[in-house]
N, C-alpha and C. Protein backbone atom coordinates (compact mmCIF):
# COMPACT_ATOMS: atom_id res chain seq x y z
N MET A 1 113.14 81.28 214.15
CA MET A 1 114.41 81.57 214.49
C MET A 1 113.81 82.82 214.68
N THR A 2 115.16 84.08 215.54
CA THR A 2 115.00 85.12 215.76
C THR A 2 116.34 85.85 214.94
N ASP A 3 115.73 87.03 214.39
CA ASP A 3 116.98 87.46 213.43
C ASP A 3 117.58 88.73 214.55
N VAL A 4 118.60 88.83 215.06
CA VAL A 4 118.80 89.82 216.29
C VAL A 4 118.95 91.02 215.71
N GLU A 5 118.91 91.08 214.48
CA GLU A 5 118.94 92.61 214.31
C GLU A 5 117.55 92.97 214.11
N SER A 6 116.75 92.79 214.23
CA SER A 6 115.68 93.21 213.88
C SER A 6 114.71 93.49 215.41
N LYS A 7 115.39 93.13 216.41
CA LYS A 7 115.06 93.04 217.71
C LYS A 7 114.97 94.75 218.39
N ILE A 8 114.45 95.10 218.98
CA ILE A 8 114.56 96.56 219.11
C ILE A 8 114.97 96.52 220.33
N GLU A 9 115.79 97.72 220.71
CA GLU A 9 117.17 98.15 221.56
C GLU A 9 116.50 98.31 222.94
N ASP A 10 117.27 98.20 224.12
CA ASP A 10 116.58 98.13 225.41
C ASP A 10 117.42 99.54 225.31
N GLU A 11 116.79 100.56 225.66
CA GLU A 11 117.32 101.71 226.30
C GLU A 11 118.28 102.14 227.28
N THR A 12 118.24 101.02 228.24
CA THR A 12 119.18 101.25 229.04
C THR A 12 120.75 100.83 228.47
N THR A 13 120.69 99.55 228.16
CA THR A 13 121.92 98.76 227.94
C THR A 13 122.29 99.38 226.32
N GLY A 14 121.31 99.64 225.19
CA GLY A 14 121.58 99.03 224.32
C GLY A 14 121.80 98.11 222.82
N GLU A 15 121.48 97.07 224.21
CA GLU A 15 121.02 95.94 223.72
C GLU A 15 120.09 94.95 223.27
N PRO A 16 120.27 94.41 222.44
CA PRO A 16 118.67 94.17 221.55
C PRO A 16 118.09 93.36 222.61
N THR A 17 116.49 93.82 222.61
CA THR A 17 116.04 92.75 224.01
C THR A 17 114.95 91.54 223.20
N PRO A 18 114.70 90.81 223.70
CA PRO A 18 114.22 89.07 223.59
C PRO A 18 112.93 89.37 223.22
N GLU A 19 112.74 88.65 221.74
CA GLU A 19 110.91 89.02 221.62
C GLU A 19 110.35 88.76 222.58
N LEU A 20 109.26 88.70 222.87
CA LEU A 20 108.33 88.67 223.50
C LEU A 20 107.29 87.43 222.68
N ILE A 21 107.24 86.40 223.64
CA ILE A 21 106.31 85.26 223.22
C ILE A 21 104.51 85.77 223.74
N ALA A 22 104.35 85.28 224.72
CA ALA A 22 103.60 85.92 225.37
C ALA A 22 103.29 86.68 227.13
N THR A 23 102.01 87.24 227.61
CA THR A 23 102.44 87.83 228.45
C THR A 23 100.96 86.68 229.42
N HIS A 24 101.20 86.33 230.81
CA HIS A 24 100.68 85.53 231.73
C HIS A 24 100.38 86.74 232.26
N TYR A 25 99.01 87.22 233.36
CA TYR A 25 98.44 87.18 234.59
C TYR A 25 98.26 86.35 235.18
N LEU A 26 98.77 85.97 236.71
CA LEU A 26 98.48 84.93 237.74
C LEU A 26 98.26 85.33 238.70
N SER A 27 97.59 84.63 239.64
CA SER A 27 97.26 85.19 241.19
C SER A 27 97.43 84.88 241.78
N SER A 28 98.14 83.55 241.64
CA SER A 28 98.58 82.79 242.92
C SER A 28 100.27 82.31 242.45
N VAL A 29 101.21 82.48 243.47
CA VAL A 29 102.43 81.93 243.66
C VAL A 29 102.51 80.57 242.84
N ASP A 30 101.54 79.34 243.19
CA ASP A 30 101.82 78.40 242.56
C ASP A 30 101.60 78.25 240.99
N GLU A 31 100.48 79.42 240.58
CA GLU A 31 100.45 79.34 238.84
C GLU A 31 102.17 79.93 238.70
N LEU A 32 102.62 80.72 239.58
CA LEU A 32 103.48 81.40 238.81
C LEU A 32 104.91 80.48 239.03
N VAL A 33 105.00 79.47 239.60
CA VAL A 33 105.99 78.73 240.50
C VAL A 33 105.67 77.60 238.67
N GLU A 34 104.57 76.91 238.99
CA GLU A 34 104.22 76.43 237.51
C GLU A 34 105.10 76.89 236.36
N HIS A 35 104.50 78.17 236.42
CA HIS A 35 104.98 78.63 234.65
C HIS A 35 106.32 78.91 234.18
N LEU A 36 106.99 79.28 235.94
CA LEU A 36 108.93 79.10 236.08
C LEU A 36 109.38 77.88 235.15
N ARG A 37 108.29 76.71 235.89
CA ARG A 37 109.12 75.89 235.37
C ARG A 37 109.48 75.32 234.08
N ALA A 38 107.54 75.72 233.63
CA ALA A 38 107.91 75.24 232.54
C ALA A 38 108.66 75.98 231.31
N ALA A 39 108.53 77.46 231.23
CA ALA A 39 109.14 77.93 230.82
C ALA A 39 110.90 77.65 230.94
N ASP A 40 111.56 77.17 232.03
CA ASP A 40 112.88 76.41 232.61
C ASP A 40 113.27 75.66 231.31
N GLN A 41 111.71 74.37 231.39
CA GLN A 41 112.07 73.15 230.62
C GLN A 41 112.36 73.80 228.85
N LEU A 42 111.39 74.67 228.21
CA LEU A 42 111.38 74.83 227.17
C LEU A 42 112.69 75.76 227.03
N GLY A 43 113.06 76.45 228.19
CA GLY A 43 114.35 77.25 227.27
C GLY A 43 114.45 78.13 227.00
N LEU A 44 112.80 79.01 227.87
CA LEU A 44 112.61 80.40 227.39
C LEU A 44 113.05 81.43 228.20
N GLY A 45 113.62 82.53 228.03
CA GLY A 45 113.57 83.52 229.16
C GLY A 45 112.31 83.99 229.81
N VAL A 46 112.28 84.61 231.10
CA VAL A 46 111.11 84.90 231.57
C VAL A 46 111.36 86.58 232.33
N ARG A 47 110.40 87.50 232.30
CA ARG A 47 110.35 88.83 232.86
C ARG A 47 109.23 88.96 233.96
N VAL A 48 109.19 88.57 235.10
CA VAL A 48 108.36 88.57 235.92
C VAL A 48 107.93 89.89 236.65
N SER A 49 107.27 90.39 237.35
CA SER A 49 106.90 91.15 237.63
C SER A 49 105.90 91.18 239.17
N SER A 50 106.05 91.75 240.29
CA SER A 50 104.10 92.16 240.62
C SER A 50 104.02 93.08 240.84
N TYR A 51 102.55 93.09 241.50
CA TYR A 51 101.91 94.27 241.64
C TYR A 51 100.41 93.81 242.78
N LEU A 52 99.77 94.59 243.29
CA LEU A 52 98.84 94.79 243.97
C LEU A 52 97.70 95.19 243.69
N VAL A 53 96.33 94.41 243.42
CA VAL A 53 95.08 94.82 243.19
C VAL A 53 94.20 94.82 244.68
N ALA A 54 93.10 95.76 244.82
CA ALA A 54 92.25 95.57 245.65
C ALA A 54 91.50 94.18 245.69
N ASP A 55 91.55 93.82 246.51
CA ASP A 55 90.52 92.62 247.33
C ASP A 55 89.18 92.91 247.81
N GLU A 56 88.27 93.14 247.11
CA GLU A 56 86.84 93.99 247.39
C GLU A 56 86.60 92.70 248.78
N ASP A 57 86.50 91.65 248.34
CA ASP A 57 85.96 90.66 249.70
C ASP A 57 86.87 90.52 250.70
N ALA A 58 87.87 90.35 251.19
CA ALA A 58 88.84 90.29 252.22
C ALA A 58 88.61 92.25 252.82
N GLY A 59 88.33 93.40 251.90
CA GLY A 59 88.75 94.62 252.82
C GLY A 59 90.27 95.28 251.88
N GLY A 60 91.38 94.39 251.38
CA GLY A 60 92.90 94.70 251.68
C GLY A 60 93.19 94.53 250.33
N PHE A 61 94.62 94.35 250.17
CA PHE A 61 94.88 94.19 248.82
C PHE A 61 95.43 92.73 248.76
N ALA A 62 95.96 92.23 247.64
CA ALA A 62 95.73 90.91 246.96
C ALA A 62 97.28 90.66 246.21
N GLY A 63 98.39 90.45 246.01
CA GLY A 63 99.61 89.84 245.16
C GLY A 63 99.09 89.81 243.85
N ARG A 64 99.47 90.01 242.95
CA ARG A 64 99.34 89.49 241.50
C ARG A 64 100.99 89.64 240.50
N TRP A 65 100.76 88.54 240.05
CA TRP A 65 101.93 88.46 239.11
C TRP A 65 102.07 88.50 237.75
N GLU A 66 102.18 89.49 236.93
CA GLU A 66 102.61 89.05 235.41
C GLU A 66 103.88 88.72 235.01
N LEU A 67 103.90 87.54 234.06
CA LEU A 67 104.87 86.45 233.78
C LEU A 67 105.09 87.01 232.00
N GLU A 68 106.13 87.48 231.67
CA GLU A 68 106.47 87.65 230.28
C GLU A 68 107.60 86.49 229.93
N LEU A 69 107.13 85.92 228.76
CA LEU A 69 107.46 84.86 228.62
C LEU A 69 108.47 85.29 227.25
N LEU A 70 109.60 85.14 226.77
CA LEU A 70 110.54 85.74 226.39
C LEU A 70 111.42 84.32 224.75
N MET A 71 111.78 84.82 223.73
CA MET A 71 112.52 83.72 223.19
C MET A 71 113.71 83.67 224.01
N SER A 72 114.71 84.22 224.96
CA SER A 72 115.60 84.19 225.29
C SER A 72 116.18 84.96 226.41
N SER A 73 116.65 84.36 226.98
CA SER A 73 117.09 85.29 228.72
C SER A 73 117.18 86.73 228.39
N PRO A 74 116.24 87.36 228.85
CA PRO A 74 117.11 88.81 229.28
C PRO A 74 118.59 89.22 229.87
N VAL A 75 119.25 89.81 229.37
CA VAL A 75 120.48 90.35 229.93
C VAL A 75 120.08 91.23 231.09
N HIS A 76 120.77 91.37 232.31
CA HIS A 76 120.59 92.18 233.58
C HIS A 76 121.96 92.81 234.07
N GLN A 77 121.98 93.93 233.00
CA GLN A 77 123.62 94.81 233.62
C GLN A 77 123.72 95.06 235.09
N GLU A 78 124.76 94.85 235.73
CA GLU A 78 125.02 95.01 236.85
C GLU A 78 125.68 96.17 236.97
N ASP A 79 125.45 97.20 237.75
CA ASP A 79 125.41 99.19 238.32
C ASP A 79 127.23 98.69 238.52
N GLU A 80 127.94 99.17 237.92
CA GLU A 80 129.22 99.39 237.74
C GLU A 80 129.87 100.51 238.82
N ALA A 81 129.10 101.54 239.01
CA ALA A 81 129.35 102.69 239.96
C ALA A 81 130.19 102.10 241.63
N GLU A 82 130.38 100.95 241.85
CA GLU A 82 130.65 100.08 242.92
C GLU A 82 131.96 100.60 243.13
């Protein structure tokens, strides 16, 4: 069980951030989808970000993904400036 009061607060929302379980670095969309499905079945939260790395063999760039598994789903606050 996670103690909500022991979590670190998000600087932008002031809400406690979900506890990080693990970080995975993935090189294909298929791997990403597999991890997302597993996290969904286990009821875990995720945070996904993508980035590019130089692909020396092809002479260009290749997409990579960082997947953070969290104890619960992170809360996304919508902007109220509209």
